[in-house]
Amino acid sequence: MSLNRSDIEKIAHLARLAIAEDDIPRYTRELSKIFDMVETMSAVDTSVVTPMAHPQAAGQRLRPDEVTESNQRERFQTLAPQVEAGLYLVPKVIE
């Protein structure tokens, strides 16, 4: 894909970038190269490639799922302003 001067000016405007007049030809060449590379990559058949979540086949080291703290529900509810049937009561906020 080949970009021209007006394309670069429009991209710069949309991105709210100030580009010096002398730099426009360089941006035109560089962005055209990037779009050509993307076009080349899009042409590759990836139908047989399995999608991956991560580029390395590394597994997560997980800790054991164990209870490490005691149940202190009654203690915490004694500190609450209002409790009923084991539930915290809060004032109505939305009507």
PDB file of N, CA and C in Angstrom:
ATOM      1  N   MET A   1       0.852  -1.172   0.000  1.00  0.00           N
ATOM      2  CA  MET A   1       0.000   0.000   0.000  1.00  0.00           C
ATOM      3  C   MET A   1       0.895   1.232   0.000  1.00  0.00           C
ATOM      4  N   SER A   2       0.647   2.092  -0.897  1.00  0.00           N
ATOM      5  CA  SER A   2       1.465   3.293  -1.018  1.00  0.00           C
ATOM      6  C   SER A   2       0.667   4.501  -0.540  1.00  0.00           C
ATOM      7  N   LEU A   3       1.254   5.228   0.388  1.00  0.00           N
ATOM      8  CA  LEU A   3       0.618   6.438   0.899  1.00  0.00           C
ATOM      9  C   LEU A   3       1.172   7.650   0.168  1.00  0.00           C
ATOM     10  N   ASN A   4       0.393   8.706   0.155  1.00  0.00           N
ATOM     11  CA  ASN A   4       0.884   9.955  -0.435  1.00  0.00           C
ATOM     12  C   ASN A   4       0.865  11.059   0.625  1.00  0.00           C
ATOM     13  N   ARG A   5       1.286  12.227   0.232  1.00  0.00           N
ATOM     14  CA  ARG A   5       1.419  13.354   1.158  1.00  0.00           C
ATOM     15  C   ARG A   5       0.101  13.677   1.865  1.00  0.00           C
ATOM     16  N   SER A   6      -0.999  13.664   1.128  1.00  0.00           N
ATOM     17  CA  SER A   6      -2.295  14.004   1.734  1.00  0.00           C
ATOM     18  C   SER A   6      -2.713  12.958   2.773  1.00  0.00           C
ATOM     19  N   ASP A   7      -2.372  11.674   2.535  1.00  0.00           N
ATOM     20  CA  ASP A   7      -2.675  10.630   3.513  1.00  0.00           C
ATOM     21  C   ASP A   7      -1.932  10.890   4.824  1.00  0.00           C
ATOM     22  N   ILE A   8      -0.670  11.251   4.729  1.00  0.00           N
ATOM     23  CA  ILE A   8       0.137  11.521   5.919  1.00  0.00           C
ATOM     24  C   ILE A   8      -0.405  12.737   6.663  1.00  0.00           C
ATOM     25  N   GLU A   9      -0.774  13.763   5.930  1.00  0.00           N
ATOM     26  CA  GLU A   9      -1.326  14.957   6.572  1.00  0.00           C
ATOM     27  C   GLU A   9      -2.643  14.641   7.277  1.00  0.00           C
ATOM     28  N   LYS A  10      -3.465  13.801   6.644  1.00  0.00           N
ATOM     29  CA  LYS A  10      -4.737  13.427   7.256  1.00  0.00           C
ATOM     30  C   LYS A  10      -4.507  12.578   8.508  1.00  0.00           C
ATOM     31  N   ILE A  11      -3.581  11.612   8.451  1.00  0.00           N
ATOM     32  CA  ILE A  11      -3.263  10.780   9.612  1.00  0.00           C
ATOM     33  C   ILE A  11      -2.731  11.647  10.751  1.00  0.00           C
ATOM     34  N   ALA A  12      -1.843  12.595  10.421  1.00  0.00           N
ATOM     35  CA  ALA A  12      -1.292  13.487  11.435  1.00  0.00           C
ATOM     36  C   ALA A  12      -2.393  14.330  12.065  1.00  0.00           C
ATOM     37  N   HIS A  13      -3.331  14.788  11.259  1.00  0.00           N
ATOM     38  CA  HIS A  13      -4.441  15.582  11.789  1.00  0.00           C
ATOM     39  C   HIS A  13      -5.312  14.734  12.722  1.00  0.00           C
ATOM     40  N   LEU A  14      -5.646  13.525  12.305  1.00  0.00           N
ATOM     41  CA  LEU A  14      -6.480  12.653  13.131  1.00  0.00           C
ATOM     42  C   LEU A  14      -5.793  12.284  14.443  1.00  0.00           C
ATOM     43  N   ALA A  15      -4.466  12.117  14.404  1.00  0.00           N
ATOM     44  CA  ALA A  15      -3.709  11.770  15.602  1.00  0.00           C
ATOM     45  C   ALA A  15      -3.310  13.010  16.388  1.00  0.00           C
ATOM     46  N   ARG A  16      -3.682  14.169  15.893  1.00  0.00           N
ATOM     47  CA  ARG A  16      -3.337  15.440  16.530  1.00  0.00           C
ATOM     48  C   ARG A  16      -1.828  15.575  16.717  1.00  0.00           C
ATOM     49  N   LEU A  17      -1.081  15.253  15.631  1.00  0.00           N
ATOM     50  CA  LEU A  17       0.371  15.354  15.629  1.00  0.00           C
ATOM     51  C   LEU A  17       0.804  16.504  14.730  1.00  0.00           C
ATOM     52  N   ALA A  18       1.804  17.224  15.180  1.00  0.00           N
ATOM     53  CA  ALA A  18       2.385  18.274  14.350  1.00  0.00           C
ATOM     54  C   ALA A  18       3.611  17.696  13.664  1.00  0.00           C
ATOM     55  N   ILE A  19       3.580  17.652  12.343  1.00  0.00           N
ATOM     56  CA  ILE A  19       4.689  17.102  11.566  1.00  0.00           C
ATOM     57  C   ILE A  19       5.285  18.229  10.731  1.00  0.00           C
ATOM     58  N   ALA A  20       6.596  18.349  10.809  1.00  0.00           N
ATOM     59  CA  ALA A  20       7.282  19.366  10.003  1.00  0.00           C
ATOM     60  C   ALA A  20       7.193  18.998   8.527  1.00  0.00           C
ATOM     61  N   GLU A  21       7.156  20.005   7.682  1.00  0.00           N
ATOM     62  CA  GLU A  21       7.050  19.783   6.235  1.00  0.00           C
ATOM     63  C   GLU A  21       8.199  18.918   5.712  1.00  0.00           C
ATOM     64  N   ASP A  22       9.384  19.086   6.264  1.00  0.00           N
ATOM     65  CA  ASP A  22      10.549  18.320   5.806  1.00  0.00           C
ATOM     66  C   ASP A  22      10.444  16.839   6.162  1.00  0.00           C
ATOM     67  N   ASP A  23       9.649  16.513   7.186  1.00  0.00           N
ATOM     68  CA  ASP A  23       9.544  15.122   7.648  1.00  0.00           C
ATOM     69  C   ASP A  23       8.471  14.319   6.918  1.00  0.00           C
ATOM     70  N   ILE A  24       7.598  14.975   6.196  1.00  0.00           N
ATOM     71  CA  ILE A  24       6.489  14.267   5.537  1.00  0.00           C
ATOM     72  C   ILE A  24       6.979  13.194   4.566  1.00  0.00           C
ATOM     73  N   PRO A  25       7.978  13.438   3.711  1.00  0.00           N
ATOM     74  CA  PRO A  25       8.435  12.363   2.821  1.00  0.00           C
ATOM     75  C   PRO A  25       8.967  11.135   3.583  1.00  0.00           C
ATOM     76  N   ARG A  26       9.673  11.364   4.690  1.00  0.00           N
ATOM     77  CA  ARG A  26      10.194  10.241   5.481  1.00  0.00           C
ATOM     78  C   ARG A  26       9.036   9.448   6.097  1.00  0.00           C
ATOM     79  N   TYR A  27       8.035  10.158   6.656  1.00  0.00           N
ATOM     80  CA  TYR A  27       6.869   9.467   7.220  1.00  0.00           C
ATOM     81  C   TYR A  27       6.122   8.698   6.133  1.00  0.00           C
ATOM     82  N   THR A  28       6.035   9.252   4.949  1.00  0.00           N
ATOM     83  CA  THR A  28       5.366   8.569   3.844  1.00  0.00           C
ATOM     84  C   THR A  28       6.062   7.252   3.529  1.00  0.00           C
ATOM     85  N   ARG A  29       7.397   7.272   3.420  1.00  0.00           N
ATOM     86  CA  ARG A  29       8.145   6.038   3.143  1.00  0.00           C
ATOM     87  C   ARG A  29       8.000   5.023   4.279  1.00  0.00           C
ATOM     88  N   GLU A  30       8.184   5.481   5.516  1.00  0.00           N
ATOM     89  CA  GLU A  30       8.172   4.560   6.657  1.00  0.00           C
ATOM     90  C   GLU A  30       6.789   3.935   6.869  1.00  0.00           C
ATOM     91  N   LEU A  31       5.743   4.729   6.807  1.00  0.00           N
ATOM     92  CA  LEU A  31       4.391   4.176   6.986  1.00  0.00           C
ATOM     93  C   LEU A  31       4.016   3.247   5.832  1.00  0.00           C
ATOM     94  N   SER A  32       4.450   3.572   4.626  1.00  0.00           N
ATOM     95  CA  SER A  32       4.193   2.681   3.487  1.00  0.00           C
ATOM     96  C   SER A  32       4.874   1.335   3.694  1.00  0.00           C
ATOM     97  N   LYS A  33       6.102   1.351   4.229  1.00  0.00           N
ATOM     98  CA  LYS A  33       6.806   0.097   4.519  1.00  0.00           C
ATOM     99  C   LYS A  33       6.057  -0.722   5.573  1.00  0.00           C
ATOM    100  N   ILE A  34       5.554  -0.040   6.588  1.00  0.00           N
ATOM    101  CA  ILE A  34       4.805  -0.747   7.643  1.00  0.00           C
ATOM    102  C   ILE A  34       3.552  -1.381   7.062  1.00  0.00           C
ATOM    103  N   PHE A  35       2.798  -0.632   6.254  1.00  0.00           N
ATOM    104  CA  PHE A  35       1.586  -1.189   5.652  1.00  0.00           C
ATOM    105  C   PHE A  35       1.902  -2.328   4.697  1.00  0.00           C
ATOM    106  N   ASP A  36       3.011  -2.246   3.975  1.00  0.00           N
ATOM    107  CA  ASP A  36       3.426  -3.340   3.094  1.00  0.00           C
ATOM    108  C   ASP A  36       3.754  -4.591   3.911  1.00  0.00           C
ATOM    109  N   MET A  37       4.416  -4.413   5.052  1.00  0.00           N
ATOM    110  CA  MET A  37       4.740  -5.556   5.908  1.00  0.00           C
ATOM    111  C   MET A  37       3.459  -6.198   6.453  1.00  0.00           C
ATOM    112  N   VAL A  38       2.498  -5.396   6.858  1.00  0.00           N
ATOM    113  CA  VAL A  38       1.223  -5.927   7.354  1.00  0.00           C
ATOM    114  C   VAL A  38       0.499  -6.676   6.243  1.00  0.00           C
ATOM    115  N   GLU A  39       0.540  -6.150   5.037  1.00  0.00           N
ATOM    116  CA  GLU A  39      -0.071  -6.807   3.883  1.00  0.00           C
ATOM    117  C   GLU A  39       0.581  -8.159   3.626  1.00  0.00           C
ATOM    118  N   THR A  40       1.909  -8.212   3.715  1.00  0.00           N
ATOM    119  CA  THR A  40       2.643  -9.466   3.523  1.00  0.00           C
ATOM    120  C   THR A  40       2.273 -10.473   4.605  1.00  0.00           C
ATOM    121  N   MET A  41       2.191 -10.006   5.841  1.00  0.00           N
ATOM    122  CA  MET A  41       1.836 -10.905   6.948  1.00  0.00           C
ATOM    123  C   MET A  41       0.406 -11.416   6.809  1.00  0.00           C
ATOM    124  N   SER A  42      -0.486 -10.597   6.288  1.00  0.00           N
ATOM    125  CA  SER A  42      -1.881 -11.007   6.117  1.00  0.00           C
ATOM    126  C   SER A  42      -2.029 -12.086   5.050  1.00  0.00           C
ATOM    127  N   ALA A  43      -1.079 -12.156   4.130  1.00  0.00           N
ATOM    128  CA  ALA A  43      -1.145 -13.135   3.043  1.00  0.00           C
ATOM    129  C   ALA A  43      -0.731 -14.534   3.500  1.00  0.00           C
ATOM    130  N   VAL A  44      -0.132 -14.660   4.656  1.00  0.00           N
ATOM    131  CA  VAL A  44       0.338 -15.960   5.150  1.00  0.00           C
ATOM    132  C   VAL A  44      -0.859 -16.786   5.615  1.00  0.00           C
ATOM    133  N   ASP A  45      -0.875 -18.069   5.226  1.00  0.00           N
ATOM    134  CA  ASP A  45      -1.955 -18.971   5.636  1.00  0.00           C
ATOM    135  C   ASP A  45      -1.708 -19.423   7.070  1.00  0.00           C
ATOM    136  N   THR A  46      -2.573 -19.026   7.979  1.00  0.00           N
ATOM    137  CA  THR A  46      -2.436 -19.400   9.389  1.00  0.00           C
ATOM    138  C   THR A  46      -3.554 -20.328   9.845  1.00  0.00           C
ATOM    139  N   SER A  47      -4.226 -20.963   8.901  1.00  0.00           N
ATOM    140  CA  SER A  47      -5.364 -21.816   9.267  1.00  0.00           C
ATOM    141  C   SER A  47      -4.949 -23.044  10.062  1.00  0.00           C
ATOM    142  N   VAL A  48      -3.700 -23.491   9.914  1.00  0.00           N
ATOM    143  CA  VAL A  48      -3.255 -24.684  10.642  1.00  0.00           C
ATOM    144  C   VAL A  48      -2.520 -24.336  11.940  1.00  0.00           C
ATOM    145  N   VAL A  49      -2.401 -23.065  12.252  1.00  0.00           N
ATOM    146  CA  VAL A  49      -1.702 -22.637  13.462  1.00  0.00           C
ATOM    147  C   VAL A  49      -2.691 -22.567  14.617  1.00  0.00           C
ATOM    148  N   THR A  50      -2.355 -23.198  15.719  1.00  0.00           N
ATOM    149  CA  THR A  50      -3.216 -23.177  16.900  1.00  0.00           C
ATOM    150  C   THR A  50      -3.059 -21.842  17.618  1.00  0.00           C
ATOM    151  N   PRO A  51      -4.170 -21.179  17.926  1.00  0.00           N
ATOM    152  CA  PRO A  51      -4.070 -19.908  18.652  1.00  0.00           C
ATOM    153  C   PRO A  51      -3.441 -20.125  20.025  1.00  0.00           C
ATOM    154  N   MET A  52      -2.645 -19.169  20.432  1.00  0.00           N
ATOM    155  CA  MET A  52      -1.951 -19.270  21.714  1.00  0.00           C
ATOM    156  C   MET A  52      -2.288 -18.073  22.584  1.00  0.00           C
ATOM    157  N   ALA A  53      -2.316 -18.291  23.892  1.00  0.00           N
ATOM    158  CA  ALA A  53      -2.517 -17.187  24.823  1.00  0.00           C
ATOM    159  C   ALA A  53      -1.197 -16.512  25.135  1.00  0.00           C
ATOM    160  N   HIS A  54      -0.103 -17.233  24.947  1.00  0.00           N
ATOM    161  CA  HIS A  54       1.222 -16.707  25.269  1.00  0.00           C
ATOM    162  C   HIS A  54       2.231 -17.328  24.313  1.00  0.00           C
ATOM    163  N   PRO A  55       3.260 -16.601  23.874  1.00  0.00           N
ATOM    164  CA  PRO A  55       4.203 -17.158  22.906  1.00  0.00           C
ATOM    165  C   PRO A  55       5.081 -18.277  23.453  1.00  0.00           C
ATOM    166  N   GLN A  56       5.191 -18.386  24.749  1.00  0.00           N
ATOM    167  CA  GLN A  56       5.976 -19.461  25.342  1.00  0.00           C
ATOM    168  C   GLN A  56       5.036 -20.455  26.007  1.00  0.00           C
ATOM    169  N   ALA A  57       5.362 -21.722  25.901  1.00  0.00           N
ATOM    170  CA  ALA A  57       4.518 -22.753  26.511  1.00  0.00           C
ATOM    171  C   ALA A  57       4.871 -22.869  27.996  1.00  0.00           C
ATOM    172  N   ALA A  58       4.504 -21.878  28.754  1.00  0.00           N
ATOM    173  CA  ALA A  58       4.811 -21.855  30.184  1.00  0.00           C
ATOM    174  C   ALA A  58       3.514 -21.971  30.966  1.00  0.00           C
ATOM    175  N   GLY A  59       3.540 -22.803  31.980  1.00  0.00           N
ATOM    176  CA  GLY A  59       2.375 -22.956  32.836  1.00  0.00           C
ATOM    177  C   GLY A  59       2.484 -22.057  34.051  1.00  0.00           C
ATOM    178  N   GLN A  60       1.361 -21.751  34.634  1.00  0.00           N
ATOM    179  CA  GLN A  60       1.349 -20.932  35.831  1.00  0.00           C
ATOM    180  C   GLN A  60       1.649 -21.785  37.051  1.00  0.00           C
ATOM    181  N   ARG A  61       2.491 -21.273  37.917  1.00  0.00           N
ATOM    182  CA  ARG A  61       2.700 -21.944  39.190  1.00  0.00           C
ATOM    183  C   ARG A  61       1.621 -21.440  40.128  1.00  0.00           C
ATOM    184  N   LEU A  62       0.749 -22.318  40.532  1.00  0.00           N
ATOM    185  CA  LEU A  62      -0.367 -21.928  41.380  1.00  0.00           C
ATOM    186  C   LEU A  62      -0.146 -22.430  42.795  1.00  0.00           C
ATOM    187  N   ARG A  63      -0.581 -21.652  43.747  1.00  0.00           N
ATOM    188  CA  ARG A  63      -0.501 -22.091  45.133  1.00  0.00           C
ATOM    189  C   ARG A  63      -1.690 -23.006  45.417  1.00  0.00           C
ATOM    190  N   PRO A  64      -1.558 -23.861  46.427  1.00  0.00           N
ATOM    191  CA  PRO A  64      -2.683 -24.729  46.773  1.00  0.00           C
ATOM    192  C   PRO A  64      -3.883 -23.902  47.238  1.00  0.00           C
ATOM    193  N   ASP A  65      -5.061 -24.345  46.891  1.00  0.00           N
ATOM    194  CA  ASP A  65      -6.282 -23.651  47.278  1.00  0.00           C
ATOM    195  C   ASP A  65      -6.690 -24.138  48.667  1.00  0.00           C
ATOM    196  N   GLU A  66      -6.149 -23.496  49.681  1.00  0.00           N
ATOM    197  CA  GLU A  66      -6.406 -23.896  51.065  1.00  0.00           C
ATOM    198  C   GLU A  66      -6.908 -22.704  51.859  1.00  0.00           C
ATOM    199  N   VAL A  67      -7.769 -22.965  52.824  1.00  0.00           N
ATOM    200  CA  VAL A  67      -8.235 -21.923  53.734  1.00  0.00           C
ATOM    201  C   VAL A  67      -7.104 -21.629  54.704  1.00  0.00           C
ATOM    202  N   THR A  68      -6.716 -20.356  54.798  1.00  0.00           N
ATOM    203  CA  THR A  68      -5.599 -19.995  55.677  1.00  0.00           C
ATOM    204  C   THR A  68      -6.027 -19.105  56.834  1.00  0.00           C
ATOM    205  N   GLU A  69      -7.258 -18.620  56.822  1.00  0.00           N
ATOM    206  CA  GLU A  69      -7.747 -17.768  57.900  1.00  0.00           C
ATOM    207  C   GLU A  69      -8.993 -18.378  58.512  1.00  0.00           C
ATOM    208  N   SER A  70      -9.173 -18.107  59.793  1.00  0.00           N
ATOM    209  CA  SER A  70     -10.346 -18.641  60.491  1.00  0.00           C
ATOM    210  C   SER A  70     -11.568 -17.779  60.212  1.00  0.00           C
ATOM    211  N   ASN A  71     -12.749 -18.347  60.405  1.00  0.00           N
ATOM    212  CA  ASN A  71     -14.004 -17.639  60.200  1.00  0.00           C
ATOM    213  C   ASN A  71     -14.237 -16.698  61.378  1.00  0.00           C
ATOM    214  N   GLN A  72     -14.263 -15.396  61.106  1.00  0.00           N
ATOM    215  CA  GLN A  72     -14.463 -14.405  62.153  1.00  0.00           C
ATOM    216  C   GLN A  72     -15.722 -13.573  61.894  1.00  0.00           C
ATOM    217  N   ARG A  73     -16.701 -14.204  61.293  1.00  0.00           N
ATOM    218  CA  ARG A  73     -17.911 -13.492  60.883  1.00  0.00           C
ATOM    219  C   ARG A  73     -18.628 -12.835  62.064  1.00  0.00           C
ATOM    220  N   GLU A  74     -18.837 -13.579  63.148  1.00  0.00           N
ATOM    221  CA  GLU A  74     -19.552 -13.007  64.299  1.00  0.00           C
ATOM    222  C   GLU A  74     -18.790 -11.831  64.892  1.00  0.00           C
ATOM    223  N   ARG A  75     -17.477 -11.946  64.940  1.00  0.00           N
ATOM    224  CA  ARG A  75     -16.660 -10.861  65.495  1.00  0.00           C
ATOM    225  C   ARG A  75     -16.810  -9.596  64.659  1.00  0.00           C
ATOM    226  N   PHE A  76     -16.761  -9.735  63.333  1.00  0.00           N
ATOM    227  CA  PHE A  76     -16.897  -8.572  62.468  1.00  0.00           C
ATOM    228  C   PHE A  76     -18.308  -7.990  62.523  1.00  0.00           C
ATOM    229  N   GLN A  77     -19.306  -8.852  62.659  1.00  0.00           N
ATOM    230  CA  GLN A  77     -20.671  -8.344  62.692  1.00  0.00           C
ATOM    231  C   GLN A  77     -20.993  -7.647  64.008  1.00  0.00           C
ATOM    232  N   THR A  78     -20.271  -7.930  65.069  1.00  0.00           N
ATOM    233  CA  THR A  78     -20.480  -7.178  66.315  1.00  0.00           C
ATOM    234  C   THR A  78     -20.028  -5.728  66.167  1.00  0.00           C
ATOM    235  N   LEU A  79     -19.145  -5.469  65.228  1.00  0.00           N
ATOM    236  CA  LEU A  79     -18.665  -4.113  64.982  1.00  0.00           C
ATOM    237  C   LEU A  79     -19.584  -3.337  64.037  1.00  0.00           C
ATOM    238  N   ALA A  80     -20.449  -4.025  63.312  1.00  0.00           N
ATOM    239  CA  ALA A  80     -21.318  -3.386  62.321  1.00  0.00           C
ATOM    240  C   ALA A  80     -22.457  -2.653  63.014  1.00  0.00           C
ATOM    241  N   PRO A  81     -22.902  -1.515  62.431  1.00  0.00           N
ATOM    242  CA  PRO A  81     -24.003  -0.767  63.045  1.00  0.00           C
ATOM    243  C   PRO A  81     -25.311  -1.553  63.084  1.00  0.00           C
ATOM    244  N   GLN A  82     -25.628  -2.290  62.009  1.00  0.00           N
ATOM    245  CA  GLN A  82     -26.891  -3.051  61.967  1.00  0.00           C
ATOM    246  C   GLN A  82     -26.667  -4.382  61.264  1.00  0.00           C
ATOM    247  N   VAL A  83     -27.137  -5.436  61.899  1.00  0.00           N
ATOM    248  CA  VAL A  83     -27.027  -6.786  61.341  1.00  0.00           C
ATOM    249  C   VAL A  83     -28.355  -7.488  61.589  1.00  0.00           C
ATOM    250  N   GLU A  84     -28.785  -8.276  60.603  1.00  0.00           N
ATOM    251  CA  GLU A  84     -30.011  -9.052  60.778  1.00  0.00           C
ATOM    252  C   GLU A  84     -29.846 -10.386  60.070  1.00  0.00           C
ATOM    253  N   ALA A  85     -30.041 -11.458  60.785  1.00  0.00           N
ATOM    254  CA  ALA A  85     -29.965 -12.827  60.250  1.00  0.00           C
ATOM    255  C   ALA A  85     -28.629 -13.076  59.556  1.00  0.00           C
ATOM    256  N   GLY A  86     -27.545 -12.550  60.132  1.00  0.00           N
ATOM    257  CA  GLY A  86     -26.225 -12.782  59.571  1.00  0.00           C
ATOM    258  C   GLY A  86     -25.872 -11.905  58.383  1.00  0.00           C
ATOM    259  N   LEU A  87     -26.729 -10.927  58.068  1.00  0.00           N
ATOM    260  CA  LEU A  87     -26.477 -10.025  56.937  1.00  0.00           C
ATOM    261  C   LEU A  87     -26.257  -8.597  57.445  1.00  0.00           C
ATOM    262  N   TYR A  88     -25.428  -7.860  56.767  1.00  0.00           N
ATOM    263  CA  TYR A  88     -25.201  -6.461  57.096  1.00  0.00           C
ATOM    264  C   TYR A  88     -26.339  -5.643  56.521  1.00  0.00           C
ATOM    265  N   LEU A  89     -26.920  -4.747  57.316  1.00  0.00           N
ATOM    266  CA  LEU A  89     -27.983  -3.861  56.849  1.00  0.00           C
ATOM    267  C   LEU A  89     -27.352  -2.503  56.544  1.00  0.00           C
ATOM    268  N   VAL A  90     -27.698  -1.970  55.392  1.00  0.00           N
ATOM    269  CA  VAL A  90     -27.175  -0.669  54.985  1.00  0.00           C
ATOM    270  C   VAL A  90     -28.349   0.252  54.660  1.00  0.00           C
ATOM    271  N   PRO A  91     -28.163   1.566  54.812  1.00  0.00           N
ATOM    272  CA  PRO A  91     -29.261   2.480  54.497  1.00  0.00           C
ATOM    273  C   PRO A  91     -29.583   2.467  52.996  1.00  0.00           C
ATOM    274  N   LYS A  92     -30.829   2.704  52.693  1.00  0.00           N
ATOM    275  CA  LYS A  92     -31.255   2.770  51.307  1.00  0.00           C
ATOM    276  C   LYS A  92     -30.664   4.017  50.656  1.00  0.00           C
ATOM    277  N   VAL A  93     -30.018   3.845  49.520  1.00  0.00           N
ATOM    278  CA  VAL A  93     -29.351   4.958  48.855  1.00  0.00           C
ATOM    279  C   VAL A  93     -30.128   5.425  47.626  1.00  0.00           C
ATOM    280  N   ILE A  94     -30.687   4.483  46.886  1.00  0.00           N
ATOM    281  CA  ILE A  94     -31.417   4.790  45.662  1.00  0.00           C
ATOM    282  C   ILE A  94     -32.895   4.531  45.893  1.00  0.00           C
ATOM    283  N   GLU A  95     -33.697   5.486  45.475  1.00  0.00           N
ATOM    284  CA  GLU A  95     -35.142   5.309  45.638  1.00  0.00           C
ATOM    285  C   GLU A  95     -35.810   5.000  44.339  1.00  0.00           C
TER     286      GLU A  95
END
